[in-house]
Amino acid sequence: MADIQTLSDIDLAALLCSRVCHDVISPVGAIANGLEVLDDEDDPAMQEIAMDLIRKSARQASTKLQFCRIAFGAAGSAGAHLDLSDAGEVSKAFFSDGKTTFEWDAPHETREKNQVKLLLNLALMASTSIPRGGQLSVTVSGDAFSVRCSGEAAKVPEKTINFMTDPANA
């Protein structure tokens, strides 16, 4: 794959597609497993367990796709605005993995779509710094915003540090 500074449009598209596939493969696989159990099992208790797995996994897949649609998608035409409250609800669902506490503190208003997309992508980047879980918070106040995370074994990935500190990316 190309260096980050020379990333082609096609390489960027491939990375985004890979990310979306990575996020939805587990819940989709679990749905398939649940359907196999339904096909093979006559025990009503096992069938109910399988249905619960299918329901939970379908919710997870939907949540991940909703987040990716806002964070990576076109989200309307050029100049469109997105609701911060909607972005917060989608983010809360996306980051609720049982090991991360997520807080969203933003006014109930719309912002330019690219601002909201940037905020979601920064939150996603921050979440990679807490692989064992922890706290992740997004705060929007006026024109300023912050994304903070903390947790056990928290560490910013080296590639992220290099990208953020390279003057060529300013």
N, C-alpha and C. Protein backbone atom coordinates (compact mmCIF):
# COMPACT_ATOMS: atom_id res chain seq x y z
N MET A 1 0.86 -1.17 0.00
CA MET A 1 0.00 0.00 0.00
C MET A 1 0.89 1.23 0.00
N ALA A 2 0.42 2.28 -0.59
CA ALA A 2 1.21 3.49 -0.75
C ALA A 2 1.44 4.19 0.58
N ASP A 3 2.48 4.98 0.63
CA ASP A 3 2.79 5.84 1.76
C ASP A 3 1.61 6.79 1.98
N ILE A 4 1.35 7.19 3.24
CA ILE A 4 0.17 8.00 3.55
C ILE A 4 0.14 9.32 2.79
N GLN A 5 1.29 9.93 2.55
CA GLN A 5 1.32 11.21 1.85
C GLN A 5 1.00 11.05 0.36
N THR A 6 1.21 9.88 -0.21
CA THR A 6 0.97 9.67 -1.63
C THR A 6 -0.16 8.68 -1.87
N LEU A 7 -1.04 8.52 -0.92
CA LEU A 7 -2.14 7.57 -1.02
C LEU A 7 -3.06 7.97 -2.17
N SER A 8 -3.24 7.07 -3.11
CA SER A 8 -4.11 7.35 -4.26
C SER A 8 -5.57 7.22 -3.84
N ASP A 9 -6.44 7.76 -4.67
CA ASP A 9 -7.88 7.65 -4.40
C ASP A 9 -8.31 6.19 -4.30
N ILE A 10 -7.77 5.37 -5.18
CA ILE A 10 -8.15 3.95 -5.19
C ILE A 10 -7.65 3.24 -3.93
N ASP A 11 -6.44 3.60 -3.47
CA ASP A 11 -5.92 3.00 -2.23
C ASP A 11 -6.74 3.44 -1.02
N LEU A 12 -7.14 4.71 -1.00
CA LEU A 12 -7.98 5.20 0.09
C LEU A 12 -9.32 4.47 0.09
N ALA A 13 -9.92 4.33 -1.08
CA ALA A 13 -11.19 3.61 -1.19
C ALA A 13 -11.03 2.17 -0.70
N ALA A 14 -9.92 1.54 -1.06
CA ALA A 14 -9.67 0.16 -0.62
C ALA A 14 -9.53 0.08 0.89
N LEU A 15 -8.84 1.05 1.49
CA LEU A 15 -8.69 1.06 2.95
C LEU A 15 -10.04 1.24 3.64
N LEU A 16 -10.87 2.14 3.11
CA LEU A 16 -12.19 2.36 3.71
C LEU A 16 -13.06 1.12 3.58
N CYS A 17 -13.04 0.48 2.41
CA CYS A 17 -13.81 -0.75 2.23
C CYS A 17 -13.32 -1.85 3.17
N SER A 18 -12.02 -1.95 3.33
CA SER A 18 -11.47 -2.95 4.25
C SER A 18 -11.93 -2.68 5.67
N ARG A 19 -11.96 -1.43 6.06
CA ARG A 19 -12.39 -1.08 7.42
C ARG A 19 -13.84 -1.47 7.64
N VAL A 20 -14.71 -1.14 6.68
CA VAL A 20 -16.12 -1.48 6.81
C VAL A 20 -16.30 -3.00 6.87
N CYS A 21 -15.62 -3.71 5.99
CA CYS A 21 -15.71 -5.18 5.99
C CYS A 21 -15.22 -5.75 7.32
N HIS A 22 -14.12 -5.22 7.83
CA HIS A 22 -13.57 -5.67 9.12
C HIS A 22 -14.60 -5.48 10.23
N ASP A 23 -15.29 -4.34 10.21
CA ASP A 23 -16.25 -4.05 11.28
C ASP A 23 -17.49 -4.93 11.22
N VAL A 24 -17.92 -5.33 10.03
CA VAL A 24 -19.18 -6.09 9.95
C VAL A 24 -19.00 -7.60 9.80
N ILE A 25 -17.78 -8.07 9.56
CA ILE A 25 -17.60 -9.50 9.32
C ILE A 25 -17.98 -10.35 10.54
N SER A 26 -17.62 -9.91 11.74
CA SER A 26 -17.94 -10.71 12.94
C SER A 26 -19.44 -10.83 13.17
N PRO A 27 -20.21 -9.72 13.18
CA PRO A 27 -21.64 -9.90 13.40
C PRO A 27 -22.33 -10.65 12.26
N VAL A 28 -21.90 -10.46 11.03
CA VAL A 28 -22.50 -11.19 9.91
C VAL A 28 -22.18 -12.68 10.02
N GLY A 29 -20.96 -13.01 10.41
CA GLY A 29 -20.61 -14.41 10.63
C GLY A 29 -21.43 -15.03 11.74
N ALA A 30 -21.68 -14.26 12.80
CA ALA A 30 -22.50 -14.77 13.91
C ALA A 30 -23.94 -15.00 13.46
N ILE A 31 -24.45 -14.14 12.59
CA ILE A 31 -25.80 -14.34 12.04
C ILE A 31 -25.85 -15.66 11.27
N ALA A 32 -24.83 -15.89 10.44
CA ALA A 32 -24.77 -17.14 9.68
C ALA A 32 -24.71 -18.35 10.61
N ASN A 33 -23.93 -18.25 11.68
CA ASN A 33 -23.84 -19.35 12.65
C ASN A 33 -25.18 -19.60 13.33
N GLY A 34 -25.87 -18.51 13.69
CA GLY A 34 -27.18 -18.64 14.31
C GLY A 34 -28.18 -19.31 13.39
N LEU A 35 -28.13 -18.97 12.11
CA LEU A 35 -29.03 -19.59 11.14
C LEU A 35 -28.73 -21.08 10.98
N GLU A 36 -27.46 -21.44 11.03
CA GLU A 36 -27.08 -22.86 10.97
C GLU A 36 -27.66 -23.63 12.16
N VAL A 37 -27.58 -23.02 13.35
CA VAL A 37 -28.14 -23.67 14.54
C VAL A 37 -29.64 -23.85 14.36
N LEU A 38 -30.33 -22.83 13.83
CA LEU A 38 -31.78 -22.96 13.61
C LEU A 38 -32.09 -24.10 12.64
N ASP A 39 -31.26 -24.26 11.62
CA ASP A 39 -31.47 -25.34 10.65
C ASP A 39 -31.24 -26.72 11.27
N ASP A 40 -30.28 -26.82 12.19
CA ASP A 40 -29.85 -28.12 12.70
C ASP A 40 -30.50 -28.53 14.01
N GLU A 41 -31.07 -27.61 14.76
CA GLU A 41 -31.56 -27.89 16.11
C GLU A 41 -33.08 -27.99 16.16
N ASP A 42 -33.57 -29.00 16.90
CA ASP A 42 -35.00 -29.14 17.15
C ASP A 42 -35.36 -28.66 18.55
N ASP A 43 -34.36 -28.50 19.41
CA ASP A 43 -34.58 -28.09 20.79
C ASP A 43 -35.00 -26.62 20.83
N PRO A 44 -36.21 -26.33 21.34
CA PRO A 44 -36.69 -24.94 21.39
C PRO A 44 -35.76 -24.00 22.17
N ALA A 45 -35.11 -24.51 23.22
CA ALA A 45 -34.19 -23.66 24.00
C ALA A 45 -33.00 -23.25 23.14
N MET A 46 -32.45 -24.18 22.37
CA MET A 46 -31.32 -23.86 21.49
C MET A 46 -31.76 -22.92 20.36
N GLN A 47 -32.97 -23.11 19.87
CA GLN A 47 -33.48 -22.23 18.82
C GLN A 47 -33.63 -20.80 19.34
N GLU A 48 -34.07 -20.67 20.59
CA GLU A 48 -34.20 -19.33 21.18
C GLU A 48 -32.84 -18.68 21.37
N ILE A 49 -31.85 -19.46 21.80
CA ILE A 49 -30.48 -18.94 21.94
C ILE A 49 -29.97 -18.47 20.58
N ALA A 50 -30.23 -19.26 19.55
CA ALA A 50 -29.80 -18.89 18.20
C ALA A 50 -30.49 -17.61 17.74
N MET A 51 -31.79 -17.48 18.02
CA MET A 51 -32.51 -16.25 17.63
C MET A 51 -31.96 -15.04 18.37
N ASP A 52 -31.63 -15.20 19.65
CA ASP A 52 -31.03 -14.09 20.40
C ASP A 52 -29.70 -13.68 19.78
N LEU A 53 -28.88 -14.67 19.40
CA LEU A 53 -27.61 -14.39 18.74
C LEU A 53 -27.83 -13.64 17.43
N ILE A 54 -28.80 -14.08 16.66
CA ILE A 54 -29.09 -13.43 15.37
C ILE A 54 -29.54 -11.99 15.59
N ARG A 55 -30.45 -11.78 16.55
CA ARG A 55 -30.93 -10.41 16.83
C ARG A 55 -29.79 -9.49 17.27
N LYS A 56 -28.99 -9.97 18.23
CA LYS A 56 -27.87 -9.17 18.74
C LYS A 56 -26.88 -8.86 17.62
N SER A 57 -26.56 -9.84 16.83
CA SER A 57 -25.58 -9.66 15.76
C SER A 57 -26.10 -8.73 14.67
N ALA A 58 -27.39 -8.82 14.36
CA ALA A 58 -27.98 -7.92 13.37
C ALA A 58 -27.93 -6.48 13.87
N ARG A 59 -28.20 -6.27 15.17
CA ARG A 59 -28.09 -4.91 15.74
C ARG A 59 -26.66 -4.40 15.64
N GLN A 60 -25.68 -5.27 15.96
CA GLN A 60 -24.28 -4.87 15.88
C GLN A 60 -23.89 -4.49 14.46
N ALA A 61 -24.28 -5.30 13.49
CA ALA A 61 -23.94 -5.00 12.10
C ALA A 61 -24.58 -3.69 11.66
N SER A 62 -25.83 -3.49 12.03
CA SER A 62 -26.53 -2.25 11.67
C SER A 62 -25.86 -1.03 12.31
N THR A 63 -25.49 -1.15 13.58
CA THR A 63 -24.82 -0.06 14.29
C THR A 63 -23.51 0.30 13.62
N LYS A 64 -22.73 -0.70 13.29
CA LYS A 64 -21.42 -0.46 12.66
C LYS A 64 -21.59 0.19 11.29
N LEU A 65 -22.57 -0.28 10.52
CA LEU A 65 -22.80 0.31 9.20
C LEU A 65 -23.31 1.74 9.30
N GLN A 66 -24.16 2.03 10.29
CA GLN A 66 -24.64 3.40 10.47
C GLN A 66 -23.48 4.34 10.79
N PHE A 67 -22.58 3.91 11.67
CA PHE A 67 -21.43 4.74 12.00
C PHE A 67 -20.56 4.96 10.77
N CYS A 68 -20.26 3.89 10.05
CA CYS A 68 -19.40 3.99 8.86
C CYS A 68 -20.04 4.87 7.79
N ARG A 69 -21.36 4.81 7.66
CA ARG A 69 -22.05 5.64 6.67
C ARG A 69 -21.82 7.11 6.95
N ILE A 70 -21.88 7.50 8.22
CA ILE A 70 -21.66 8.91 8.55
C ILE A 70 -20.17 9.25 8.50
N ALA A 71 -19.33 8.41 9.10
CA ALA A 71 -17.90 8.71 9.20
C ALA A 71 -17.18 8.67 7.86
N PHE A 72 -17.57 7.76 6.98
CA PHE A 72 -16.85 7.57 5.72
C PHE A 72 -17.67 7.91 4.48
N GLY A 73 -18.99 7.97 4.60
CA GLY A 73 -19.85 8.12 3.43
C GLY A 73 -20.01 9.55 2.97
N ALA A 74 -20.75 9.70 1.88
CA ALA A 74 -20.99 11.01 1.29
C ALA A 74 -21.91 11.86 2.17
N ALA A 75 -22.85 11.23 2.86
CA ALA A 75 -23.75 11.91 3.79
C ALA A 75 -24.40 13.15 3.19
N GLY A 76 -25.02 12.99 2.06
CA GLY A 76 -25.71 14.12 1.43
C GLY A 76 -24.83 14.83 0.43
N SER A 77 -25.36 15.89 -0.09
CA SER A 77 -24.64 16.62 -1.13
C SER A 77 -23.58 17.54 -0.54
N ALA A 78 -22.78 18.12 -1.42
CA ALA A 78 -21.75 19.06 -0.99
C ALA A 78 -22.39 20.19 -0.19
N GLY A 79 -21.75 20.56 0.89
CA GLY A 79 -22.27 21.63 1.73
C GLY A 79 -23.35 21.20 2.70
N ALA A 80 -23.66 19.91 2.73
CA ALA A 80 -24.71 19.41 3.62
C ALA A 80 -24.28 19.55 5.07
N HIS A 81 -25.28 19.56 5.94
CA HIS A 81 -25.04 19.63 7.38
C HIS A 81 -25.55 18.35 8.03
N LEU A 82 -24.91 17.96 9.12
CA LEU A 82 -25.31 16.78 9.88
C LEU A 82 -25.62 17.18 11.31
N ASP A 83 -26.56 16.49 11.91
CA ASP A 83 -26.98 16.76 13.27
C ASP A 83 -25.98 16.15 14.25
N LEU A 84 -25.44 16.96 15.15
CA LEU A 84 -24.49 16.45 16.14
C LEU A 84 -25.14 15.43 17.07
N SER A 85 -26.41 15.62 17.38
CA SER A 85 -27.10 14.67 18.26
C SER A 85 -27.20 13.30 17.61
N ASP A 86 -27.52 13.27 16.31
CA ASP A 86 -27.57 12.00 15.60
C ASP A 86 -26.20 11.33 15.58
N ALA A 87 -25.17 12.13 15.31
CA ALA A 87 -23.81 11.59 15.28
C ALA A 87 -23.44 11.03 16.65
N GLY A 88 -23.87 11.71 17.72
CA GLY A 88 -23.59 11.24 19.07
C GLY A 88 -24.28 9.92 19.37
N GLU A 89 -25.54 9.79 18.97
CA GLU A 89 -26.27 8.54 19.22
C GLU A 89 -25.64 7.37 18.47
N VAL A 90 -25.29 7.61 17.21
CA VAL A 90 -24.65 6.56 16.42
C VAL A 90 -23.30 6.18 17.03
N SER A 91 -22.56 7.18 17.49
CA SER A 91 -21.25 6.93 18.11
C SER A 91 -21.38 6.16 19.41
N LYS A 92 -22.36 6.53 20.24
CA LYS A 92 -22.58 5.82 21.50
C LYS A 92 -22.83 4.34 21.24
N ALA A 93 -23.67 4.05 20.26
CA ALA A 93 -23.96 2.66 19.94
C ALA A 93 -22.72 1.95 19.39
N PHE A 94 -21.96 2.63 18.54
CA PHE A 94 -20.78 2.04 17.92
C PHE A 94 -19.70 1.70 18.95
N PHE A 95 -19.47 2.61 19.88
CA PHE A 95 -18.38 2.42 20.85
C PHE A 95 -18.80 1.64 22.10
N SER A 96 -20.06 1.25 22.20
CA SER A 96 -20.51 0.49 23.38
C SER A 96 -20.17 -0.99 23.18
N ASP A 97 -18.94 -1.33 23.47
CA ASP A 97 -18.47 -2.70 23.26
C ASP A 97 -18.34 -3.47 24.57
N GLY A 98 -18.79 -2.90 25.64
CA GLY A 98 -18.69 -3.57 26.93
C GLY A 98 -17.41 -3.28 27.68
N LYS A 99 -16.41 -2.76 26.99
CA LYS A 99 -15.15 -2.44 27.68
C LYS A 99 -14.79 -0.96 27.57
N THR A 100 -15.57 -0.21 26.80
CA THR A 100 -15.31 1.22 26.63
C THR A 100 -16.50 2.02 27.11
N THR A 101 -16.23 3.03 27.93
CA THR A 101 -17.26 3.97 28.34
C THR A 101 -17.15 5.17 27.41
N PHE A 102 -18.25 5.50 26.74
CA PHE A 102 -18.24 6.58 25.75
C PHE A 102 -19.12 7.73 26.22
N GLU A 103 -18.59 8.94 26.14
CA GLU A 103 -19.36 10.14 26.49
C GLU A 103 -19.35 11.10 25.31
N TRP A 104 -20.51 11.66 25.01
CA TRP A 104 -20.68 12.63 23.93
C TRP A 104 -21.30 13.87 24.53
N ASP A 105 -20.58 14.97 24.50
CA ASP A 105 -21.06 16.24 25.05
C ASP A 105 -21.01 17.27 23.94
N ALA A 106 -22.16 17.46 23.29
CA ALA A 106 -22.23 18.40 22.16
C ALA A 106 -23.61 19.04 22.15
N PRO A 107 -23.69 20.27 21.66
CA PRO A 107 -24.99 20.93 21.58
C PRO A 107 -25.90 20.25 20.55
N HIS A 108 -27.19 20.47 20.71
CA HIS A 108 -28.17 19.95 19.75
C HIS A 108 -28.24 20.93 18.58
N GLU A 109 -27.37 20.72 17.60
CA GLU A 109 -27.33 21.59 16.43
C GLU A 109 -26.71 20.83 15.27
N THR A 110 -26.80 21.43 14.10
CA THR A 110 -26.16 20.83 12.94
C THR A 110 -24.83 21.52 12.67
N ARG A 111 -23.94 20.77 12.05
CA ARG A 111 -22.63 21.29 11.64
C ARG A 111 -22.37 20.84 10.21
N GLU A 112 -21.41 21.49 9.57
CA GLU A 112 -21.02 21.06 8.23
C GLU A 112 -20.64 19.59 8.30
N LYS A 113 -21.05 18.84 7.28
CA LYS A 113 -20.84 17.38 7.32
C LYS A 113 -19.37 17.01 7.50
N ASN A 114 -18.46 17.76 6.89
CA ASN A 114 -17.04 17.40 7.02
C ASN A 114 -16.53 17.60 8.44
N GLN A 115 -17.10 18.55 9.17
CA GLN A 115 -16.72 18.72 10.58
C GLN A 115 -17.17 17.51 11.40
N VAL A 116 -18.39 17.05 11.15
CA VAL A 116 -18.92 15.90 11.89
C VAL A 116 -18.15 14.64 11.52
N LYS A 117 -17.87 14.47 10.24
CA LYS A 117 -17.10 13.31 9.79
C LYS A 117 -15.71 13.31 10.43
N LEU A 118 -15.06 14.47 10.48
CA LEU A 118 -13.75 14.58 11.12
C LEU A 118 -13.83 14.17 12.59
N LEU A 119 -14.85 14.64 13.27
CA LEU A 119 -15.03 14.31 14.68
C LEU A 119 -15.18 12.80 14.89
N LEU A 120 -15.99 12.15 14.06
CA LEU A 120 -16.18 10.71 14.19
C LEU A 120 -14.90 9.95 13.85
N ASN A 121 -14.18 10.40 12.84
CA ASN A 121 -12.93 9.73 12.48
C ASN A 121 -11.87 9.92 13.56
N LEU A 122 -11.82 11.08 14.18
CA LEU A 122 -10.88 11.29 15.28
C LEU A 122 -11.24 10.40 16.48
N ALA A 123 -12.53 10.26 16.75
CA ALA A 123 -12.96 9.37 17.84
C ALA A 123 -12.56 7.92 17.51
N LEU A 124 -12.72 7.53 16.26
CA LEU A 124 -12.32 6.19 15.85
C LEU A 124 -10.81 5.99 16.00
N MET A 125 -10.04 6.99 15.60
CA MET A 125 -8.58 6.92 15.77
C MET A 125 -8.22 6.82 17.25
N ALA A 126 -8.89 7.63 18.07
CA ALA A 126 -8.61 7.61 19.51
C ALA A 126 -8.92 6.24 20.11
N SER A 127 -9.97 5.61 19.63
CA SER A 127 -10.35 4.30 20.18
C SER A 127 -9.27 3.25 19.95
N THR A 128 -8.45 3.42 18.91
CA THR A 128 -7.37 2.46 18.67
C THR A 128 -6.26 2.59 19.71
N SER A 129 -6.29 3.67 20.47
CA SER A 129 -5.29 3.88 21.53
C SER A 129 -5.64 3.15 22.82
N ILE A 130 -6.85 2.63 22.90
CA ILE A 130 -7.29 1.93 24.11
C ILE A 130 -7.81 0.53 23.73
N PRO A 131 -6.92 -0.34 23.27
CA PRO A 131 -7.35 -1.66 22.80
C PRO A 131 -7.99 -2.53 23.88
N ARG A 132 -7.67 -2.27 25.13
CA ARG A 132 -8.27 -3.04 26.23
C ARG A 132 -9.46 -2.34 26.85
N GLY A 133 -9.90 -1.26 26.21
CA GLY A 133 -11.03 -0.51 26.72
C GLY A 133 -10.59 0.63 27.61
N GLY A 134 -11.56 1.40 28.06
CA GLY A 134 -11.29 2.55 28.89
C GLY A 134 -12.38 3.58 28.71
N GLN A 135 -11.98 4.84 28.74
CA GLN A 135 -12.92 5.94 28.58
C GLN A 135 -12.59 6.69 27.29
N LEU A 136 -13.63 7.02 26.55
CA LEU A 136 -13.50 7.79 25.32
C LEU A 136 -14.55 8.89 25.40
N SER A 137 -14.12 10.14 25.23
CA SER A 137 -15.08 11.24 25.30
C SER A 137 -14.87 12.21 24.15
N VAL A 138 -15.99 12.73 23.69
CA VAL A 138 -16.01 13.75 22.64
C VAL A 138 -16.76 14.95 23.20
N THR A 139 -16.13 16.11 23.12
CA THR A 139 -16.75 17.35 23.60
C THR A 139 -16.72 18.38 22.49
N VAL A 140 -17.86 19.02 22.26
CA VAL A 140 -17.95 20.10 21.28
C VAL A 140 -18.47 21.33 22.01
N SER A 141 -17.73 22.44 21.89
CA SER A 141 -18.12 23.68 22.54
C SER A 141 -17.77 24.83 21.61
N GLY A 142 -18.79 25.49 21.09
CA GLY A 142 -18.54 26.56 20.12
C GLY A 142 -17.88 25.98 18.89
N ASP A 143 -16.81 26.63 18.45
CA ASP A 143 -16.07 26.14 17.28
C ASP A 143 -15.01 25.11 17.65
N ALA A 144 -14.80 24.88 18.93
CA ALA A 144 -13.75 23.96 19.38
C ALA A 144 -14.34 22.59 19.72
N PHE A 145 -13.49 21.59 19.63
CA PHE A 145 -13.89 20.26 20.06
C PHE A 145 -12.67 19.52 20.58
N SER A 146 -12.93 18.50 21.38
CA SER A 146 -11.83 17.66 21.87
C SER A 146 -12.28 16.21 21.85
N VAL A 147 -11.32 15.34 21.63
CA VAL A 147 -11.53 13.90 21.69
C VAL A 147 -10.46 13.39 22.64
N ARG A 148 -10.89 12.74 23.72
CA ARG A 148 -9.95 12.25 24.74
C ARG A 148 -10.22 10.79 25.03
N CYS A 149 -9.14 10.09 25.33
CA CYS A 149 -9.31 8.70 25.74
C CYS A 149 -8.28 8.36 26.80
N SER A 150 -8.64 7.41 27.63
CA SER A 150 -7.72 6.89 28.64
C SER A 150 -8.13 5.46 28.93
N GLY A 151 -7.16 4.68 29.37
CA GLY A 151 -7.46 3.30 29.69
C GLY A 151 -6.20 2.51 29.96
N GLU A 152 -6.40 1.27 30.39
CA GLU A 152 -5.28 0.38 30.66
C GLU A 152 -4.50 0.14 29.37
N ALA A 153 -3.20 0.25 29.45
CA ALA A 153 -2.31 0.03 28.30
C ALA A 153 -2.60 0.99 27.15
N ALA A 154 -3.08 2.20 27.49
CA ALA A 154 -3.38 3.19 26.45
C ALA A 154 -2.09 3.64 25.78
N LYS A 155 -2.10 3.66 24.47
CA LYS A 155 -0.92 4.08 23.72
C LYS A 155 -1.34 4.50 22.32
N VAL A 156 -0.86 5.65 21.89
CA VAL A 156 -1.14 6.11 20.53
C VAL A 156 -0.26 5.31 19.57
N PRO A 157 -0.85 4.70 18.54
CA PRO A 157 -0.05 3.94 17.58
C PRO A 157 1.02 4.82 16.92
N GLU A 158 2.19 4.24 16.71
CA GLU A 158 3.33 4.97 16.14
C GLU A 158 2.99 5.64 14.81
N LYS A 159 2.24 4.96 13.94
CA LYS A 159 1.86 5.54 12.65
C LYS A 159 1.03 6.81 12.84
N THR A 160 0.16 6.80 13.85
CA THR A 160 -0.66 7.97 14.12
C THR A 160 0.20 9.13 14.59
N ILE A 161 1.14 8.87 15.48
CA ILE A 161 2.05 9.92 15.96
C ILE A 161 2.83 10.51 14.79
N ASN A 162 3.38 9.65 13.95
CA ASN A 162 4.16 10.13 12.81
C ASN A 162 3.32 11.00 11.88
N PHE A 163 2.10 10.56 11.62
CA PHE A 163 1.22 11.33 10.73
C PHE A 163 0.86 12.68 11.34
N MET A 164 0.52 12.67 12.63
CA MET A 164 0.07 13.90 13.30
C MET A 164 1.20 14.91 13.49
N THR A 165 2.43 14.45 13.58
CA THR A 165 3.55 15.37 13.84
C THR A 165 4.32 15.74 12.59
N ASP A 166 3.98 15.17 11.45
CA ASP A 166 4.68 15.48 10.20
C ASP A 166 4.19 16.83 9.68
N PRO A 167 5.08 17.83 9.57
CA PRO A 167 4.68 19.15 9.07
C PRO A 167 4.05 19.11 7.68
N ALA A 168 4.36 18.11 6.89
CA ALA A 168 3.78 18.00 5.55
C ALA A 168 2.28 17.75 5.59
N ASN A 169 1.77 17.31 6.74
CA ASN A 169 0.34 17.01 6.86
C ASN A 169 -0.45 18.16 7.48
N ALA A 170 0.22 19.27 7.75
CA ALA A 170 -0.46 20.40 8.38
C ALA A 170 -1.41 21.09 7.43
